[in-house]
């Protein structure tokens, strides 16, 4: 998987790319806050809020590392 294609797709608000990124990263992004919150609903709300932010601000997306590192730093 070429992350540059994913990043560019997110910047262009490509729904297919966004859906792929959501499905690929969602469970991994839920795992980290779940350890601290110990509340599945709150964790899922937090991660979903992050993806809303990603969609709304995607045109200005600046990723200098991997998407995974970027997501963990921003979520």
PDB file of N, CA and C in Angstrom:
ATOM      1  N   UNK A   1       0.849  -1.176   0.000  1.00  0.00           N
ATOM      2  CA  UNK A   1       0.000   0.000   0.000  1.00  0.00           C
ATOM      3  C   UNK A   1       0.895   1.239   0.000  1.00  0.00           C
ATOM      4  N   UNK A   2       0.671   2.101  -0.948  1.00  0.00           N
ATOM      5  CA  UNK A   2       1.449   3.325  -1.061  1.00  0.00           C
ATOM      6  C   UNK A   2       0.748   4.432  -0.256  1.00  0.00           C
ATOM      7  N   UNK A   3       1.376   4.839   0.824  1.00  0.00           N
ATOM      8  CA  UNK A   3       0.755   5.847   1.693  1.00  0.00           C
ATOM      9  C   UNK A   3       0.620   7.193   1.001  1.00  0.00           C
ATOM     10  N   UNK A   4       1.495   7.487   0.058  1.00  0.00           N
ATOM     11  CA  UNK A   4       1.391   8.765  -0.653  1.00  0.00           C
ATOM     12  C   UNK A   4       0.070   8.854  -1.413  1.00  0.00           C
ATOM     13  N   UNK A   5      -0.391   7.737  -1.969  1.00  0.00           N
ATOM     14  CA  UNK A   5      -1.679   7.706  -2.662  1.00  0.00           C
ATOM     15  C   UNK A   5      -2.808   7.948  -1.661  1.00  0.00           C
ATOM     16  N   UNK A   6      -2.699   7.329  -0.494  1.00  0.00           N
ATOM     17  CA  UNK A   6      -3.722   7.520   0.541  1.00  0.00           C
ATOM     18  C   UNK A   6      -3.757   8.969   1.023  1.00  0.00           C
ATOM     19  N   UNK A   7      -2.597   9.525   1.269  1.00  0.00           N
ATOM     20  CA  UNK A   7      -2.515  10.914   1.752  1.00  0.00           C
ATOM     21  C   UNK A   7      -3.093  11.865   0.717  1.00  0.00           C
ATOM     22  N   UNK A   8      -2.719  11.677  -0.532  1.00  0.00           N
ATOM     23  CA  UNK A   8      -3.240  12.535  -1.598  1.00  0.00           C
ATOM     24  C   UNK A   8      -4.752  12.359  -1.741  1.00  0.00           C
ATOM     25  N   UNK A   9      -5.234  11.138  -1.624  1.00  0.00           N
ATOM     26  CA  UNK A   9      -6.670  10.889  -1.679  1.00  0.00           C
ATOM     27  C   UNK A   9      -7.413  11.562  -0.540  1.00  0.00           C
ATOM     28  N   UNK A  10      -6.829  11.545   0.651  1.00  0.00           N
ATOM     29  CA  UNK A  10      -7.441  12.231   1.789  1.00  0.00           C
ATOM     30  C   UNK A  10      -7.473  13.737   1.550  1.00  0.00           C
ATOM     31  N   UNK A  11      -6.404  14.279   0.986  1.00  0.00           N
ATOM     32  CA  UNK A  11      -6.361  15.713   0.682  1.00  0.00           C
ATOM     33  C   UNK A  11      -7.434  16.100  -0.332  1.00  0.00           C
ATOM     34  N   UNK A  12      -7.704  15.205  -1.259  1.00  0.00           N
ATOM     35  CA  UNK A  12      -8.714  15.469  -2.300  1.00  0.00           C
ATOM     36  C   UNK A  12     -10.117  15.080  -1.842  1.00  0.00           C
ATOM     37  N   UNK A  13     -10.237  14.627  -0.620  1.00  0.00           N
ATOM     38  CA  UNK A  13     -11.495  14.161  -0.032  1.00  0.00           C
ATOM     39  C   UNK A  13     -12.153  13.084  -0.903  1.00  0.00           C
ATOM     40  N   UNK A  14     -11.321  12.146  -1.314  1.00  0.00           N
ATOM     41  CA  UNK A  14     -11.783  10.991  -2.090  1.00  0.00           C
ATOM     42  C   UNK A  14     -12.477  10.029  -1.130  1.00  0.00           C
ATOM     43  N   UNK A  15     -13.774   9.819  -1.318  1.00  0.00           N
ATOM     44  CA  UNK A  15     -14.552   8.996  -0.395  1.00  0.00           C
ATOM     45  C   UNK A  15     -14.076   7.552  -0.367  1.00  0.00           C
ATOM     46  N   UNK A  16     -13.678   7.000  -1.495  1.00  0.00           N
ATOM     47  CA  UNK A  16     -13.198   5.614  -1.542  1.00  0.00           C
ATOM     48  C   UNK A  16     -11.926   5.473  -0.710  1.00  0.00           C
ATOM     49  N   UNK A  17     -11.014   6.427  -0.848  1.00  0.00           N
ATOM     50  CA  UNK A  17      -9.772   6.410  -0.059  1.00  0.00           C
ATOM     51  C   UNK A  17     -10.094   6.587   1.417  1.00  0.00           C
ATOM     52  N   UNK A  18     -10.971   7.534   1.728  1.00  0.00           N
ATOM     53  CA  UNK A  18     -11.339   7.762   3.123  1.00  0.00           C
ATOM     54  C   UNK A  18     -11.943   6.502   3.737  1.00  0.00           C
ATOM     55  N   UNK A  19     -12.853   5.862   3.035  1.00  0.00           N
ATOM     56  CA  UNK A  19     -13.470   4.631   3.542  1.00  0.00           C
ATOM     57  C   UNK A  19     -12.425   3.546   3.770  1.00  0.00           C
ATOM     58  N   UNK A  20     -11.470   3.430   2.847  1.00  0.00           N
ATOM     59  CA  UNK A  20     -10.413   2.445   3.009  1.00  0.00           C
ATOM     60  C   UNK A  20      -9.589   2.750   4.258  1.00  0.00           C
ATOM     61  N   UNK A  21      -9.179   3.999   4.410  1.00  0.00           N
ATOM     62  CA  UNK A  21      -8.365   4.409   5.558  1.00  0.00           C
ATOM     63  C   UNK A  21      -9.137   4.174   6.856  1.00  0.00           C
ATOM     64  N   UNK A  22     -10.407   4.536   6.871  1.00  0.00           N
ATOM     65  CA  UNK A  22     -11.235   4.320   8.057  1.00  0.00           C
ATOM     66  C   UNK A  22     -11.264   2.839   8.426  1.00  0.00           C
ATOM     67  N   UNK A  23     -11.580   1.999   7.471  1.00  0.00           N
ATOM     68  CA  UNK A  23     -11.681   0.560   7.745  1.00  0.00           C
ATOM     69  C   UNK A  23     -10.341  -0.063   8.107  1.00  0.00           C
ATOM     70  N   UNK A  24      -9.274   0.425   7.527  1.00  0.00           N
ATOM     71  CA  UNK A  24      -7.947  -0.141   7.777  1.00  0.00           C
ATOM     72  C   UNK A  24      -7.409   0.255   9.154  1.00  0.00           C
ATOM     73  N   UNK A  25      -7.623   1.504   9.571  1.00  0.00           N
ATOM     74  CA  UNK A  25      -7.000   2.019  10.791  1.00  0.00           C
ATOM     75  C   UNK A  25      -7.926   2.070  12.009  1.00  0.00           C
ATOM     76  N   UNK A  26      -9.222   1.950  11.822  1.00  0.00           N
ATOM     77  CA  UNK A  26     -10.181   2.172  12.910  1.00  0.00           C
ATOM     78  C   UNK A  26      -9.901   1.318  14.148  1.00  0.00           C
ATOM     79  N   UNK A  27      -9.810   0.018  13.994  1.00  0.00           N
ATOM     80  CA  UNK A  27      -9.657  -0.846  15.173  1.00  0.00           C
ATOM     81  C   UNK A  27      -8.337  -0.578  15.894  1.00  0.00           C
ATOM     82  N   UNK A  28      -7.280  -0.326  15.145  1.00  0.00           N
ATOM     83  CA  UNK A  28      -5.993  -0.013  15.768  1.00  0.00           C
ATOM     84  C   UNK A  28      -6.036   1.291  16.545  1.00  0.00           C
ATOM     85  N   UNK A  29      -6.766   2.263  15.996  1.00  0.00           N
ATOM     86  CA  UNK A  29      -6.884   3.539  16.700  1.00  0.00           C
ATOM     87  C   UNK A  29      -7.770   3.424  17.937  1.00  0.00           C
ATOM     88  N   UNK A  30      -8.686   2.484  17.935  1.00  0.00           N
ATOM     89  CA  UNK A  30      -9.533   2.269  19.125  1.00  0.00           C
ATOM     90  C   UNK A  30      -8.756   1.574  20.245  1.00  0.00           C
ATOM     91  N   UNK A  31      -7.794   0.756  19.893  1.00  0.00           N
ATOM     92  CA  UNK A  31      -7.077  -0.042  20.899  1.00  0.00           C
ATOM     93  C   UNK A  31      -6.339   0.825  21.915  1.00  0.00           C
ATOM     94  N   UNK A  32      -5.710   1.895  21.462  1.00  0.00           N
ATOM     95  CA  UNK A  32      -4.898   2.713  22.372  1.00  0.00           C
ATOM     96  C   UNK A  32      -5.744   3.425  23.435  1.00  0.00           C
ATOM     97  N   UNK A  33      -6.746   4.234  23.066  1.00  0.00           N
ATOM     98  CA  UNK A  33      -7.519   4.909  24.121  1.00  0.00           C
ATOM     99  C   UNK A  33      -8.344   3.953  24.981  1.00  0.00           C
ATOM    100  N   UNK A  34      -8.668   2.797  24.427  1.00  0.00           N
ATOM    101  CA  UNK A  34      -9.452   1.820  25.202  1.00  0.00           C
ATOM    102  C   UNK A  34      -8.699   1.388  26.457  1.00  0.00           C
ATOM    103  N   UNK A  35      -7.369   1.336  26.366  1.00  0.00           N
ATOM    104  CA  UNK A  35      -6.566   0.946  27.532  1.00  0.00           C
ATOM    105  C   UNK A  35      -6.714   1.940  28.668  1.00  0.00           C
ATOM    106  N   UNK A  36      -6.968   3.203  28.346  1.00  0.00           N
ATOM    107  CA  UNK A  36      -7.074   4.231  29.376  1.00  0.00           C
ATOM    108  C   UNK A  36      -8.515   4.510  29.777  1.00  0.00           C
ATOM    109  N   UNK A  37      -9.401   4.507  28.800  1.00  0.00           N
ATOM    110  CA  UNK A  37     -10.799   4.836  29.077  1.00  0.00           C
ATOM    111  C   UNK A  37     -11.583   3.652  29.604  1.00  0.00           C
ATOM    112  N   UNK A  38     -11.228   2.461  29.138  1.00  0.00           N
ATOM    113  CA  UNK A  38     -11.933   1.236  29.508  1.00  0.00           C
ATOM    114  C   UNK A  38     -13.445   1.388  29.301  1.00  0.00           C
ATOM    115  N   UNK A  39     -13.798   2.089  28.227  1.00  0.00           N
ATOM    116  CA  UNK A  39     -15.199   2.340  27.887  1.00  0.00           C
ATOM    117  C   UNK A  39     -15.303   2.301  26.362  1.00  0.00           C
ATOM    118  N   UNK A  40     -15.880   1.229  25.859  1.00  0.00           N
ATOM    119  CA  UNK A  40     -15.924   1.013  24.406  1.00  0.00           C
ATOM    120  C   UNK A  40     -16.655   2.143  23.681  1.00  0.00           C
ATOM    121  N   UNK A  41     -17.776   2.563  24.212  1.00  0.00           N
ATOM    122  CA  UNK A  41     -18.557   3.614  23.557  1.00  0.00           C
ATOM    123  C   UNK A  41     -17.795   4.934  23.501  1.00  0.00           C
ATOM    124  N   UNK A  42     -17.176   5.317  24.607  1.00  0.00           N
ATOM    125  CA  UNK A  42     -16.398   6.558  24.640  1.00  0.00           C
ATOM    126  C   UNK A  42     -15.204   6.474  23.692  1.00  0.00           C
ATOM    127  N   UNK A  43     -14.563   5.316  23.651  1.00  0.00           N
ATOM    128  CA  UNK A  43     -13.425   5.108  22.760  1.00  0.00           C
ATOM    129  C   UNK A  43     -13.854   5.255  21.308  1.00  0.00           C
ATOM    130  N   UNK A  44     -14.951   4.599  20.942  1.00  0.00           N
ATOM    131  CA  UNK A  44     -15.423   4.673  19.560  1.00  0.00           C
ATOM    132  C   UNK A  44     -15.854   6.091  19.196  1.00  0.00           C
ATOM    133  N   UNK A  45     -16.472   6.804  20.127  1.00  0.00           N
ATOM    134  CA  UNK A  45     -16.841   8.200  19.886  1.00  0.00           C
ATOM    135  C   UNK A  45     -15.604   9.048  19.625  1.00  0.00           C
ATOM    136  N   UNK A  46     -14.573   8.846  20.418  1.00  0.00           N
ATOM    137  CA  UNK A  46     -13.329   9.588  20.272  1.00  0.00           C
ATOM    138  C   UNK A  46     -12.701   9.346  18.900  1.00  0.00           C
ATOM    139  N   UNK A  47     -12.619   8.099  18.504  1.00  0.00           N
ATOM    140  CA  UNK A  47     -12.002   7.759  17.221  1.00  0.00           C
ATOM    141  C   UNK A  47     -12.874   8.247  16.059  1.00  0.00           C
ATOM    142  N   UNK A  48     -14.166   8.138  16.185  1.00  0.00           N
ATOM    143  CA  UNK A  48     -15.051   8.647  15.136  1.00  0.00           C
ATOM    144  C   UNK A  48     -14.942  10.158  15.013  1.00  0.00           C
ATOM    145  N   UNK A  49     -14.808  10.848  16.141  1.00  0.00           N
ATOM    146  CA  UNK A  49     -14.597  12.300  16.106  1.00  0.00           C
ATOM    147  C   UNK A  49     -13.303  12.638  15.370  1.00  0.00           C
ATOM    148  N   UNK A  50     -12.276  11.822  15.589  1.00  0.00           N
ATOM    149  CA  UNK A  50     -11.020  12.035  14.878  1.00  0.00           C
ATOM    150  C   UNK A  50     -11.226  11.912  13.369  1.00  0.00           C
ATOM    151  N   UNK A  51     -11.995  10.915  12.932  1.00  0.00           N
ATOM    152  CA  UNK A  51     -12.222  10.737  11.501  1.00  0.00           C
ATOM    153  C   UNK A  51     -13.089  11.855  10.921  1.00  0.00           C
ATOM    154  N   UNK A  52     -14.004  12.406  11.703  1.00  0.00           N
ATOM    155  CA  UNK A  52     -14.759  13.580  11.256  1.00  0.00           C
ATOM    156  C   UNK A  52     -13.799  14.744  11.062  1.00  0.00           C
ATOM    157  N   UNK A  53     -12.900  14.930  12.017  1.00  0.00           N
ATOM    158  CA  UNK A  53     -11.879  15.974  11.899  1.00  0.00           C
ATOM    159  C   UNK A  53     -11.028  15.739  10.655  1.00  0.00           C
ATOM    160  N   UNK A  54     -10.606  14.501  10.436  1.00  0.00           N
ATOM    161  CA  UNK A  54      -9.771  14.166   9.285  1.00  0.00           C
ATOM    162  C   UNK A  54     -10.485  14.502   7.982  1.00  0.00           C
ATOM    163  N   UNK A  55     -11.766  14.173   7.896  1.00  0.00           N
ATOM    164  CA  UNK A  55     -12.526  14.460   6.674  1.00  0.00           C
ATOM    165  C   UNK A  55     -12.670  15.970   6.471  1.00  0.00           C
ATOM    166  N   UNK A  56     -12.984  16.685   7.542  1.00  0.00           N
ATOM    167  CA  UNK A  56     -13.231  18.127   7.406  1.00  0.00           C
ATOM    168  C   UNK A  56     -11.956  18.930   7.176  1.00  0.00           C
ATOM    169  N   UNK A  57     -10.837  18.457   7.678  1.00  0.00           N
ATOM    170  CA  UNK A  57      -9.564  19.179   7.533  1.00  0.00           C
ATOM    171  C   UNK A  57      -8.614  18.490   6.556  1.00  0.00           C
ATOM    172  N   UNK A  58      -9.081  17.446   5.888  1.00  0.00           N
ATOM    173  CA  UNK A  58      -8.224  16.645   5.024  1.00  0.00           C
ATOM    174  C   UNK A  58      -7.527  17.404   3.919  1.00  0.00           C
ATOM    175  N   UNK A  59      -8.139  18.477   3.431  1.00  0.00           N
ATOM    176  CA  UNK A  59      -7.513  19.238   2.351  1.00  0.00           C
ATOM    177  C   UNK A  59      -6.216  19.902   2.804  1.00  0.00           C
ATOM    178  N   UNK A  60      -6.056  20.082   4.094  1.00  0.00           N
ATOM    179  CA  UNK A  60      -4.841  20.706   4.645  1.00  0.00           C
ATOM    180  C   UNK A  60      -3.935  19.694   5.342  1.00  0.00           C
ATOM    181  N   UNK A  61      -4.138  18.433   5.049  1.00  0.00           N
ATOM    182  CA  UNK A  61      -3.398  17.348   5.693  1.00  0.00           C
ATOM    183  C   UNK A  61      -1.898  17.455   5.412  1.00  0.00           C
ATOM    184  N   UNK A  62      -1.095  17.491   6.474  1.00  0.00           N
ATOM    185  CA  UNK A  62       0.360  17.551   6.371  1.00  0.00           C
ATOM    186  C   UNK A  62       0.949  16.370   7.130  1.00  0.00           C
ATOM    187  N   UNK A  63       1.340  15.343   6.416  1.00  0.00           N
ATOM    188  CA  UNK A  63       1.889  14.141   7.031  1.00  0.00           C
ATOM    189  C   UNK A  63       3.374  14.077   6.701  1.00  0.00           C
ATOM    190  N   UNK A  64       4.208  14.141   7.734  1.00  0.00           N
ATOM    191  CA  UNK A  64       5.651  14.080   7.547  1.00  0.00           C
ATOM    192  C   UNK A  64       6.220  12.715   7.917  1.00  0.00           C
ATOM    193  N   UNK A  65       5.380  11.872   8.463  1.00  0.00           N
ATOM    194  CA  UNK A  65       5.775  10.526   8.872  1.00  0.00           C
ATOM    195  C   UNK A  65       4.818   9.547   8.201  1.00  0.00           C
ATOM    196  N   UNK A  66       4.602   8.423   8.806  1.00  0.00           N
ATOM    197  CA  UNK A  66       3.612   7.475   8.288  1.00  0.00           C
ATOM    198  C   UNK A  66       2.215   7.917   8.728  1.00  0.00           C
ATOM    199  N   UNK A  67       1.197   7.425   8.038  1.00  0.00           N
ATOM    200  CA  UNK A  67      -0.175   7.713   8.455  1.00  0.00           C
ATOM    201  C   UNK A  67      -0.432   7.208   9.862  1.00  0.00           C
ATOM    202  N   UNK A  68       0.060   6.021  10.166  1.00  0.00           N
ATOM    203  CA  UNK A  68      -0.147   5.451  11.496  1.00  0.00           C
ATOM    204  C   UNK A  68       0.421   6.378  12.571  1.00  0.00           C
ATOM    205  N   UNK A  69       1.633   6.861  12.381  1.00  0.00           N
ATOM    206  CA  UNK A  69       2.249   7.770  13.350  1.00  0.00           C
ATOM    207  C   UNK A  69       1.475   9.080  13.433  1.00  0.00           C
ATOM    208  N   UNK A  70       1.049   9.597  12.304  1.00  0.00           N
ATOM    209  CA  UNK A  70       0.269  10.823  12.268  1.00  0.00           C
ATOM    210  C   UNK A  70      -1.041  10.649  13.029  1.00  0.00           C
ATOM    211  N   UNK A  71      -1.734   9.540  12.763  1.00  0.00           N
ATOM    212  CA  UNK A  71      -3.015   9.293  13.401  1.00  0.00           C
ATOM    213  C   UNK A  71      -2.870   9.165  14.916  1.00  0.00           C
ATOM    214  N   UNK A  72      -1.838   8.483  15.353  1.00  0.00           N
ATOM    215  CA  UNK A  72      -1.649   8.297  16.796  1.00  0.00           C
ATOM    216  C   UNK A  72      -1.248   9.606  17.468  1.00  0.00           C
ATOM    217  N   UNK A  73      -0.571  10.473  16.748  1.00  0.00           N
ATOM    218  CA  UNK A  73      -0.192  11.765  17.321  1.00  0.00           C
ATOM    219  C   UNK A  73      -1.393  12.696  17.395  1.00  0.00           C
ATOM    220  N   UNK A  74      -2.328  12.566  16.455  1.00  0.00           N
ATOM    221  CA  UNK A  74      -3.478  13.480  16.390  1.00  0.00           C
ATOM    222  C   UNK A  74      -4.699  12.967  17.147  1.00  0.00           C
ATOM    223  N   UNK A  75      -4.775  11.669  17.376  1.00  0.00           N
ATOM    224  CA  UNK A  75      -5.991  11.157  18.020  1.00  0.00           C
ATOM    225  C   UNK A  75      -5.892  11.171  19.522  1.00  0.00           C
TER     226      UNK A  75
END
